[in-house]
Amino acid sequence: MSELDHNHALNQSIDALSDALQSGRFVRMRRLLASLHPAETAHLLESLPPNERKICWPLINPDLRGDVLSYIGEEVRTDLMTNMDTADLINATEDLDPDDIADILQDLPDHVVHEVLKAMDGQHRRRVEAVMAFEADSAGGLMNTDVTTVRTDITLEVVLRYLRMLGELPENTDSLYVVDHDDHYLGTLRLSQVVSRSRSLLVSEVMSHQVEPIPANMSDRDVARRFEKHDLISAPVVDKDNHLLGRITIDDVVDVIMEEAEHSMLSMAGLGEDEDTFAPVKRSVHRRSVWLAVNLITAFLASWVIGLFETTIQKQVALAVLMPIVASMGGIAGSQTLTLVIRSMALGQLNDKNERWLLKKEMLVGASNGLIWATAIAIVTIIWFNSIALGLLIGTAIVINLIAAAFAGVTIPLALKRVGIDPALSGSVLLTTVTDVIGFMAFLGFAKLFIV
């Protein structure tokens, strides 16, 4: 089935569930939910308003609820878990991987977390606690502790017998990890090598040293970048002493990439990547009001600058007509630079050595575009208002604002990053303020000096 057909089928399931909800056919709802993959059920729940979610959730097979929770967004997951008692949570997390359990438990009160951990067997609890000891957005918080290890001094025949004895390997296992007697990571042994090479060979003769271990404190962004650069399917995670702690697999990295993409898009509007589309009105109003308040302050600043030249605008009405052009050109040019810089920062391409070069380059681009479009806008203005002075004025303001926009587009995200603020979250608001203020100041200031 193609992705388009799959999405169409899922939309049909959503429609069918909505019809069943309205008609109260709970048996049909239960059958429909049971026929879906947990990821599809999670998507379906996220596509329903809160009241309908509360009706659907109890109808999901209790043995599948943990899998559904592992796929669902943090905000929706938290809302669903508030209506679950401790026994239901224990049952839901019973068969999940440690990294998925850790993601779910981080949204719960401490006393509930303690009860859930207490109900686990000793080995499973230690694995979950090992993951929870790290930040959620680090390699340690991302890893799964379920790994298969071998030693260097055994033959591939022994390895094969060991694998048969295990009976089943963890999901997405493409390699075994080679460790010494103290669990220090030494290298990887690909399963393809195990089945294709002579069984009399030692692991030390076949193992690879190409896969570098990932430090447990590495950020999930850097983990995703390493997987992308080296085309990894899985990678070992080690502590500062090179002890093997677990592994990260490609499915975990895909989740990180998706979250980063959502974060980049939603942050521009001041929203979190786990924003619930169907969140209650009160919660949505509260979150968005903060962002609107910040924007209002910057808008008042731009209006204050315009107010300084009120008399000038009254004498030359054409200035009011042309002001939006100056602000708009600066805003668009600055947004282009800002987006480029934030992307480069996310990819790890920017550093202390090339920041100055990028700043010079972007300012040259701004100056060049400024001259090109200033000429075009000046010609139109001269023809429109029959005033050469007004054409030269707006042309000069455009050049100044586009250079300022390039400067701000580079320096604002770099400055925000140095003080620990996400550039994607507040960079665009600050940039718009800079381009509006400088554009209006240049345009109206020169008008007061040379025209009015």
Protein backbone atom coordinates (compact mmCIF):
# COMPACT_ATOMS: atom_id res chain seq x y z
CA MET A 1 0.00 0.00 0.00
CA SER A 2 1.36 3.44 -0.96
CA GLU A 3 1.68 6.21 1.62
CA LEU A 4 -1.16 8.08 -0.06
CA ASP A 5 -3.45 5.03 0.14
CA HIS A 6 -2.38 4.46 3.75
CA ASN A 7 -3.26 8.04 4.72
CA HIS A 8 -6.59 7.73 2.91
CA ALA A 9 -7.38 4.53 4.81
CA LEU A 10 -6.43 6.16 8.11
CA ASN A 11 -8.68 9.15 7.37
CA GLN A 12 -11.50 6.73 6.64
CA SER A 13 -10.87 5.08 10.03
CA ILE A 14 -11.08 8.47 11.72
CA ASP A 15 -14.37 9.21 9.95
CA ALA A 16 -15.74 5.77 10.85
CA LEU A 17 -14.77 6.21 14.49
CA SER A 18 -16.41 9.65 14.60
CA ASP A 19 -19.63 8.19 13.17
CA ALA A 20 -19.53 5.36 15.72
CA LEU A 21 -18.97 7.87 18.53
CA GLN A 22 -21.95 9.95 17.50
CA SER A 23 -24.21 6.91 17.24
CA GLY A 24 -22.89 5.28 20.43
CA ARG A 25 -21.83 2.04 18.73
CA PHE A 26 -19.09 1.12 21.18
CA VAL A 27 -18.70 -2.48 19.93
CA ARG A 28 -17.85 -1.19 16.48
CA MET A 29 -15.44 1.35 18.00
CA ARG A 30 -13.68 -1.39 19.96
CA ARG A 31 -13.29 -3.55 16.83
CA LEU A 32 -12.01 -0.62 14.79
CA LEU A 33 -9.40 0.31 17.40
CA ALA A 34 -8.29 -3.33 17.72
CA SER A 35 -7.65 -3.53 13.96
CA LEU A 36 -5.17 -0.64 13.95
CA HIS A 37 -1.43 -0.59 14.59
CA PRO A 38 -0.60 1.22 17.88
CA ALA A 39 1.01 4.07 15.89
CA GLU A 40 -2.19 4.48 13.88
CA THR A 41 -4.27 4.40 17.05
CA ALA A 42 -2.04 7.14 18.50
CA HIS A 43 -2.54 9.25 15.38
CA LEU A 44 -6.27 8.69 15.55
CA LEU A 45 -6.44 9.78 19.20
CA GLU A 46 -4.44 12.91 18.42
CA SER A 47 -6.98 13.69 15.69
CA LEU A 48 -9.92 13.67 18.11
CA PRO A 49 -11.18 16.44 20.42
CA PRO A 50 -10.47 15.83 24.17
CA ASN A 51 -13.97 14.58 25.07
CA GLU A 52 -13.95 11.98 22.30
CA ARG A 53 -10.47 10.83 23.34
CA LYS A 54 -11.74 10.12 26.84
CA ILE A 55 -14.47 7.91 25.39
CA CYS A 56 -12.09 6.02 23.07
CA TRP A 57 -9.24 5.44 25.48
CA PRO A 58 -10.98 2.88 27.75
CA LEU A 59 -12.04 0.92 24.63
CA ILE A 60 -8.43 0.23 23.61
CA ASN A 61 -7.08 -3.21 24.55
CA PRO A 62 -5.22 -2.76 27.89
CA ASP A 63 -2.31 -4.82 26.53
CA LEU A 64 -1.83 -2.31 23.70
CA ARG A 65 -2.14 0.91 25.68
CA GLY A 66 1.56 1.07 26.52
CA ASP A 67 2.50 0.86 22.83
CA VAL A 68 -0.05 3.54 21.98
CA LEU A 69 1.34 5.83 24.70
CA SER A 70 4.87 5.38 23.34
CA TYR A 71 3.76 6.73 19.94
CA ILE A 72 1.58 9.58 21.14
CA GLY A 73 2.63 13.20 21.67
CA GLU A 74 3.70 14.30 25.13
CA GLU A 75 0.82 16.69 25.80
CA VAL A 76 -1.91 14.26 24.72
CA ARG A 77 -0.15 11.42 26.55
CA THR A 78 -0.10 13.41 29.79
CA ASP A 79 -3.83 14.12 29.50
CA LEU A 80 -4.63 10.44 28.94
CA MET A 81 -2.45 9.24 31.83
CA THR A 82 -4.11 11.57 34.33
CA ASN A 83 -7.19 9.31 34.12
CA MET A 84 -5.23 6.06 34.58
CA ASP A 85 -4.64 4.51 37.98
CA THR A 86 -1.28 3.06 38.99
CA ALA A 87 -2.32 -0.53 38.24
CA ASP A 88 -3.27 0.43 34.66
CA LEU A 89 0.07 2.21 34.20
CA ILE A 90 2.00 -0.79 35.49
CA ASN A 91 0.14 -3.04 33.08
CA ALA A 92 0.63 -0.63 30.16
CA THR A 93 4.40 -0.35 30.62
CA GLU A 94 5.03 -4.01 31.39
CA ASP A 95 6.26 -5.12 27.95
CA LEU A 96 7.75 -1.85 26.63
CA ASP A 97 11.41 -1.18 25.92
CA PRO A 98 13.24 0.72 28.69
CA ASP A 99 13.62 3.89 26.57
CA ASP A 100 9.87 3.97 25.83
CA ILE A 101 9.05 3.40 29.51
CA ALA A 102 11.40 6.23 30.50
CA ASP A 103 9.64 8.59 28.05
CA ILE A 104 6.26 7.73 29.57
CA LEU A 105 7.36 7.92 33.21
CA GLN A 106 8.90 11.38 32.84
CA ASP A 107 5.37 12.82 32.61
CA LEU A 108 4.19 11.24 35.87
CA PRO A 109 4.40 12.39 39.51
CA ASP A 110 7.30 10.95 41.51
CA HIS A 111 5.14 8.74 43.73
CA VAL A 112 3.52 7.12 40.68
CA VAL A 113 6.92 6.59 39.05
CA HIS A 114 8.10 4.90 42.24
CA GLU A 115 5.10 2.54 42.25
CA VAL A 116 5.56 1.61 38.58
CA LEU A 117 9.28 0.92 39.05
CA LYS A 118 8.61 -1.05 42.21
CA ALA A 119 6.29 -3.39 40.30
CA MET A 120 9.01 -4.34 37.79
CA ASP A 121 11.43 -7.21 38.18
CA GLY A 122 14.95 -6.25 39.29
CA GLN A 123 16.66 -6.46 35.90
CA HIS A 124 13.96 -4.53 34.04
CA ARG A 125 13.86 -1.83 36.73
CA ARG A 126 17.63 -1.35 36.57
CA ARG A 127 17.46 -0.92 32.80
CA VAL A 128 14.73 1.71 33.05
CA GLU A 129 16.54 3.55 35.85
CA ALA A 130 19.72 3.54 33.74
CA VAL A 131 17.89 5.39 30.97
CA MET A 132 16.09 7.77 33.35
CA ALA A 133 19.43 8.77 34.89
CA PHE A 134 20.11 10.83 31.75
CA GLU A 135 18.40 13.86 30.25
CA ALA A 136 15.58 12.93 27.88
CA ASP A 137 17.22 14.79 24.97
CA SER A 138 20.61 13.08 25.38
CA ALA A 139 22.00 9.86 23.94
CA GLY A 140 21.61 8.23 27.37
CA GLY A 141 17.92 9.17 27.47
CA LEU A 142 17.46 7.91 23.94
CA MET A 143 19.24 4.58 24.26
CA ASN A 144 17.85 1.10 24.80
CA THR A 145 19.80 -1.00 27.29
CA ASP A 146 18.78 -4.27 25.63
CA VAL A 147 22.05 -5.18 23.84
CA THR A 148 23.80 -8.40 22.83
CA THR A 149 27.54 -8.55 23.54
CA VAL A 150 30.37 -10.98 22.74
CA ARG A 151 34.08 -11.28 23.64
CA THR A 152 37.06 -11.14 21.32
CA ASP A 153 38.54 -14.54 22.18
CA ILE A 154 35.68 -16.76 20.97
CA THR A 155 35.05 -18.17 17.50
CA LEU A 156 32.14 -17.39 15.21
CA GLU A 157 30.93 -20.95 15.82
CA VAL A 158 30.55 -20.14 19.51
CA VAL A 159 28.80 -16.88 18.61
CA LEU A 160 26.28 -18.77 16.45
CA ARG A 161 25.58 -21.24 19.23
CA TYR A 162 25.10 -18.35 21.65
CA LEU A 163 22.61 -16.67 19.31
CA ARG A 164 20.64 -19.89 18.89
CA MET A 165 20.53 -20.25 22.67
CA LEU A 166 19.12 -16.71 22.99
CA GLY A 167 16.44 -17.61 20.47
CA GLU A 168 15.53 -13.98 19.74
CA LEU A 169 17.54 -10.78 19.24
CA PRO A 170 16.45 -7.24 20.17
CA GLU A 171 14.64 -5.38 17.37
CA ASN A 172 16.77 -3.60 14.75
CA THR A 173 19.88 -5.58 15.67
CA ASP A 174 22.33 -5.39 12.79
CA SER A 175 25.48 -5.87 14.88
CA LEU A 176 26.68 -7.44 18.10
CA TYR A 177 28.89 -5.35 20.38
CA VAL A 178 32.33 -6.60 21.31
CA VAL A 179 33.42 -5.90 24.90
CA ASP A 180 36.17 -6.99 27.27
CA HIS A 181 35.69 -8.63 30.67
CA ASP A 182 34.98 -5.21 32.24
CA ASP A 183 32.36 -4.30 29.61
CA HIS A 184 34.59 -1.76 27.87
CA TYR A 185 33.44 -1.22 24.30
CA LEU A 186 35.94 -2.55 21.72
CA GLY A 187 34.06 -2.70 18.42
CA THR A 188 31.18 -4.24 16.47
CA LEU A 189 30.54 -7.61 14.93
CA ARG A 190 28.08 -7.41 12.05
CA LEU A 191 25.57 -10.25 11.80
CA SER A 192 26.36 -10.52 8.10
CA GLN A 193 29.95 -11.38 9.06
CA VAL A 194 28.79 -14.00 11.55
CA VAL A 195 26.81 -15.93 8.94
CA SER A 196 29.15 -15.46 5.97
CA ARG A 197 32.69 -15.91 7.34
CA SER A 198 34.45 -19.11 8.37
CA ARG A 199 33.14 -20.32 11.73
CA SER A 200 36.68 -21.09 12.91
CA LEU A 201 37.66 -17.39 12.85
CA LEU A 202 37.93 -15.51 16.13
CA VAL A 203 35.75 -12.48 16.81
CA SER A 204 38.94 -10.39 17.07
CA GLU A 205 39.75 -11.30 13.46
CA VAL A 206 36.37 -10.30 12.06
CA MET A 207 35.20 -7.41 14.26
CA SER A 208 35.14 -3.81 13.03
CA HIS A 209 36.48 -0.68 14.72
CA GLN A 210 34.75 1.74 12.33
CA VAL A 211 31.65 2.49 14.45
CA GLU A 212 32.63 5.09 17.03
CA PRO A 213 30.75 4.83 20.33
CA ILE A 214 28.37 7.63 21.24
CA PRO A 215 28.96 9.38 24.59
CA ALA A 216 25.92 9.12 26.84
CA ASN A 217 25.80 12.90 27.33
CA MET A 218 25.76 13.72 23.58
CA SER A 219 22.64 15.66 22.54
CA ASP A 220 20.00 13.86 20.52
CA ARG A 221 20.56 16.37 17.69
CA ASP A 222 24.22 15.38 17.44
CA VAL A 223 23.22 11.71 17.60
CA ALA A 224 20.86 12.18 14.64
CA ARG A 225 23.59 14.04 12.75
CA ARG A 226 26.06 11.20 13.30
CA PHE A 227 23.55 8.59 12.10
CA GLU A 228 22.92 10.67 8.98
CA LYS A 229 26.59 11.22 8.18
CA HIS A 230 27.67 7.60 8.71
CA ASP A 231 24.48 5.85 7.47
CA LEU A 232 24.12 3.96 10.75
CA ILE A 233 21.35 1.53 11.65
CA SER A 234 22.45 1.26 15.28
CA ALA A 235 25.29 2.59 17.42
CA PRO A 236 26.67 1.81 20.90
CA VAL A 237 26.36 4.25 23.81
CA VAL A 238 29.17 4.45 26.37
CA ASP A 239 29.90 6.34 29.57
CA LYS A 240 32.98 8.52 30.19
CA ASP A 241 35.02 5.42 31.00
CA ASN A 242 34.01 3.67 27.75
CA HIS A 243 31.73 1.16 29.50
CA LEU A 244 28.96 -0.03 27.18
CA LEU A 245 25.59 1.25 28.45
CA GLY A 246 23.22 0.50 25.60
CA ARG A 247 22.50 1.23 21.98
CA ILE A 248 20.56 3.67 19.84
CA THR A 249 18.69 2.41 16.78
CA ILE A 250 17.51 4.15 13.63
CA ASP A 251 13.84 4.14 14.69
CA ASP A 252 14.75 6.28 17.71
CA VAL A 253 16.71 8.67 15.48
CA VAL A 254 13.80 9.04 13.05
CA ASP A 255 11.68 10.19 16.01
CA VAL A 256 14.33 12.80 16.89
CA ILE A 257 14.45 14.06 13.30
CA MET A 258 10.66 14.38 13.19
CA GLU A 259 10.60 16.22 16.51
CA GLU A 260 13.32 18.61 15.33
CA ALA A 261 11.41 19.33 12.12
CA GLU A 262 8.22 20.04 14.11
CA HIS A 263 10.19 22.14 16.59
CA SER A 264 11.70 24.30 13.83
CA MET A 265 8.29 24.90 12.24
CA LEU A 266 6.23 25.50 15.39
CA SER A 267 8.87 27.52 17.24
CA MET A 268 8.56 30.26 14.64
CA ALA A 269 5.03 30.80 16.01
CA GLY A 270 6.00 30.34 19.65
CA LEU A 271 4.50 26.84 19.91
CA GLY A 272 6.06 23.63 21.24
CA GLU A 273 6.54 20.52 19.11
CA ASP A 274 4.13 18.63 21.38
CA GLU A 275 1.38 21.23 20.98
CA ASP A 276 -1.99 19.51 20.98
CA THR A 277 -4.07 20.68 18.00
CA PHE A 278 -7.26 19.94 19.92
CA ALA A 279 -6.12 21.28 23.30
CA PRO A 280 -8.79 23.07 25.40
CA VAL A 281 -9.39 26.74 24.58
CA LYS A 282 -8.11 27.98 27.96
CA ARG A 283 -4.76 26.20 27.61
CA SER A 284 -4.26 27.36 24.01
CA VAL A 285 -5.16 30.96 24.89
CA HIS A 286 -2.65 30.98 27.75
CA ARG A 287 0.23 29.70 25.62
CA ARG A 288 -0.39 31.93 22.65
CA SER A 289 -1.04 35.03 24.77
CA VAL A 290 2.58 34.99 25.95
CA TRP A 291 3.82 35.09 22.37
CA LEU A 292 1.31 37.76 21.37
CA ALA A 293 2.38 39.88 24.35
CA VAL A 294 6.02 39.77 23.24
CA ASN A 295 5.00 40.70 19.71
CA LEU A 296 2.83 43.56 20.99
CA ILE A 297 5.78 45.11 22.83
CA THR A 298 7.91 45.04 19.69
CA ALA A 299 5.02 46.45 17.63
CA PHE A 300 4.67 49.37 20.05
CA LEU A 301 8.40 50.04 19.65
CA ALA A 302 8.02 50.30 15.86
CA SER A 303 4.93 52.49 16.28
CA TRP A 304 6.84 54.75 18.67
CA VAL A 305 9.51 55.31 16.02
CA ILE A 306 6.82 56.24 13.49
CA GLY A 307 5.28 58.61 16.04
CA LEU A 308 8.55 60.54 16.26
CA PHE A 309 8.01 61.59 12.65
CA GLU A 310 4.28 62.32 12.83
CA THR A 311 4.68 65.90 11.58
CA THR A 312 6.89 64.76 8.72
CA ILE A 313 4.30 62.20 7.57
CA GLN A 314 1.50 64.80 7.74
CA LYS A 315 3.45 67.09 5.41
CA GLN A 316 4.25 64.34 2.92
CA VAL A 317 1.42 61.76 2.75
CA ALA A 318 3.36 59.69 0.19
CA LEU A 319 5.67 58.62 3.02
CA ALA A 320 2.81 56.72 4.70
CA VAL A 321 2.08 54.96 1.41
CA LEU A 322 5.70 53.87 0.91
CA MET A 323 6.61 52.92 4.51
CA PRO A 324 5.27 49.34 4.31
CA ILE A 325 7.56 48.65 1.33
CA VAL A 326 10.66 49.52 3.34
CA ALA A 327 9.60 47.39 6.31
CA SER A 328 8.48 44.46 4.16
CA MET A 329 11.67 44.26 2.08
CA GLY A 330 13.82 44.35 5.23
CA GLY A 331 11.68 41.72 6.95
CA ILE A 332 11.82 39.27 4.04
CA ALA A 333 15.58 39.70 3.50
CA GLY A 334 16.26 39.29 7.20
CA SER A 335 14.07 36.18 7.42
CA GLN A 336 16.03 34.56 4.59
CA THR A 337 19.32 35.13 6.42
CA LEU A 338 17.85 34.12 9.80
CA THR A 339 16.49 30.83 8.41
CA LEU A 340 19.84 30.05 6.76
CA VAL A 341 21.77 30.70 9.97
CA ILE A 342 19.39 28.69 12.20
CA ARG A 343 19.61 25.78 9.75
CA SER A 344 23.43 25.96 9.75
CA MET A 345 23.43 25.99 13.55
CA ALA A 346 21.15 22.94 13.66
CA LEU A 347 23.49 21.09 11.29
CA GLY A 348 26.55 22.05 13.34
CA GLN A 349 28.13 23.94 10.44
CA LEU A 350 28.67 27.24 12.26
CA ASN A 351 31.63 27.78 14.57
CA ASP A 352 33.83 30.59 15.87
CA LYS A 353 36.10 30.38 12.83
CA ASN A 354 33.49 30.85 10.11
CA GLU A 355 30.91 33.11 11.79
CA ARG A 356 32.70 36.31 10.74
CA TRP A 357 33.06 35.09 7.16
CA LEU A 358 29.32 34.31 7.01
CA LEU A 359 28.49 37.75 8.41
CA LYS A 360 30.57 39.48 5.71
CA LYS A 361 29.06 37.33 2.99
CA GLU A 362 25.47 37.97 4.09
CA MET A 363 26.05 41.72 4.38
CA LEU A 364 27.46 41.74 0.84
CA VAL A 365 24.40 39.81 -0.33
CA GLY A 366 22.20 42.32 1.50
CA ALA A 367 24.01 45.27 -0.05
CA SER A 368 23.84 43.76 -3.54
CA ASN A 369 20.13 42.94 -3.28
CA GLY A 370 19.60 46.35 -1.74
CA LEU A 371 21.13 48.14 -4.74
CA ILE A 372 19.22 46.00 -7.23
CA TRP A 373 15.81 46.41 -5.64
CA ALA A 374 16.41 49.98 -4.49
CA THR A 375 16.89 50.93 -8.14
CA ALA A 376 13.69 49.17 -9.16
CA ILE A 377 11.64 50.65 -6.31
CA ALA A 378 13.10 54.13 -6.87
CA ILE A 379 12.10 54.08 -10.56
CA VAL A 380 8.54 53.03 -9.71
CA THR A 381 8.33 55.70 -6.99
CA ILE A 382 9.57 58.45 -9.31
CA ILE A 383 6.98 57.50 -11.95
CA TRP A 384 4.22 57.07 -9.34
CA PHE A 385 4.72 60.31 -7.37
CA ASN A 386 6.63 62.32 -9.98
CA SER A 387 9.39 63.02 -7.44
CA ILE A 388 13.05 62.18 -7.99
CA ALA A 389 13.85 63.12 -4.38
CA LEU A 390 11.28 60.64 -3.04
CA GLY A 391 12.67 57.89 -5.30
CA LEU A 392 16.23 58.48 -4.09
CA LEU A 393 14.99 58.58 -0.50
CA ILE A 394 13.23 55.20 -0.56
CA GLY A 395 16.09 53.67 -2.55
CA THR A 396 18.61 54.74 0.11
CA ALA A 397 16.37 53.45 2.91
CA ILE A 398 15.99 50.08 1.17
CA VAL A 399 19.78 49.64 0.86
CA ILE A 400 20.33 50.53 4.52
CA ASN A 401 17.53 48.26 5.75
CA LEU A 402 18.63 45.23 3.71
CA ILE A 403 22.20 45.55 5.00
CA ALA A 404 20.86 45.91 8.56
CA ALA A 405 18.56 42.91 8.01
CA ALA A 406 21.53 40.76 6.93
CA PHE A 407 23.53 41.87 9.96
CA ALA A 408 20.64 41.16 12.33
CA GLY A 409 19.82 37.85 10.64
CA VAL A 410 23.31 36.56 11.48
CA THR A 411 24.00 38.17 14.84
CA ILE A 412 20.61 37.68 16.54
CA PRO A 413 20.56 33.85 16.46
CA LEU A 414 24.24 33.67 17.43
CA ALA A 415 23.66 36.00 20.39
CA LEU A 416 20.54 34.10 21.50
CA LYS A 417 22.40 30.79 21.36
CA ARG A 418 25.23 32.17 23.54
CA VAL A 419 22.77 33.19 26.26
CA GLY A 420 20.95 29.84 26.11
CA ILE A 421 17.78 30.92 24.25
CA ASP A 422 16.44 28.93 21.31
CA PRO A 423 16.95 31.14 18.20
CA ALA A 424 14.02 29.50 16.41
CA LEU A 425 11.69 30.55 19.22
CA SER A 426 12.40 34.27 19.45
CA GLY A 427 14.72 35.14 16.57
CA SER A 428 11.99 36.14 14.11
CA VAL A 429 10.31 38.58 16.54
CA LEU A 430 13.58 40.34 17.34
CA LEU A 431 14.53 40.44 13.67
CA THR A 432 11.21 42.00 12.65
CA THR A 433 11.66 44.65 15.35
CA VAL A 434 15.16 45.52 14.11
CA THR A 435 14.16 45.77 10.44
CA ASP A 436 11.03 47.80 11.21
CA VAL A 437 12.81 50.25 13.50
CA ILE A 438 15.86 50.74 11.28
CA GLY A 439 13.76 50.89 8.09
CA PHE A 440 11.36 53.50 9.46
CA MET A 441 14.16 55.46 11.10
CA ALA A 442 16.17 55.63 7.88
CA PHE A 443 13.21 56.38 5.61
CA LEU A 444 11.48 58.95 7.78
CA GLY A 445 14.70 60.41 9.16
CA PHE A 446 16.10 61.17 5.70
CA ALA A 447 12.68 62.51 4.65
CA LYS A 448 12.74 65.00 7.54
CA LEU A 449 16.29 66.08 6.73
CA PHE A 450 16.13 66.42 2.94
CA ILE A 451 12.51 66.56 1.71
CA VAL A 452 10.09 68.02 4.23
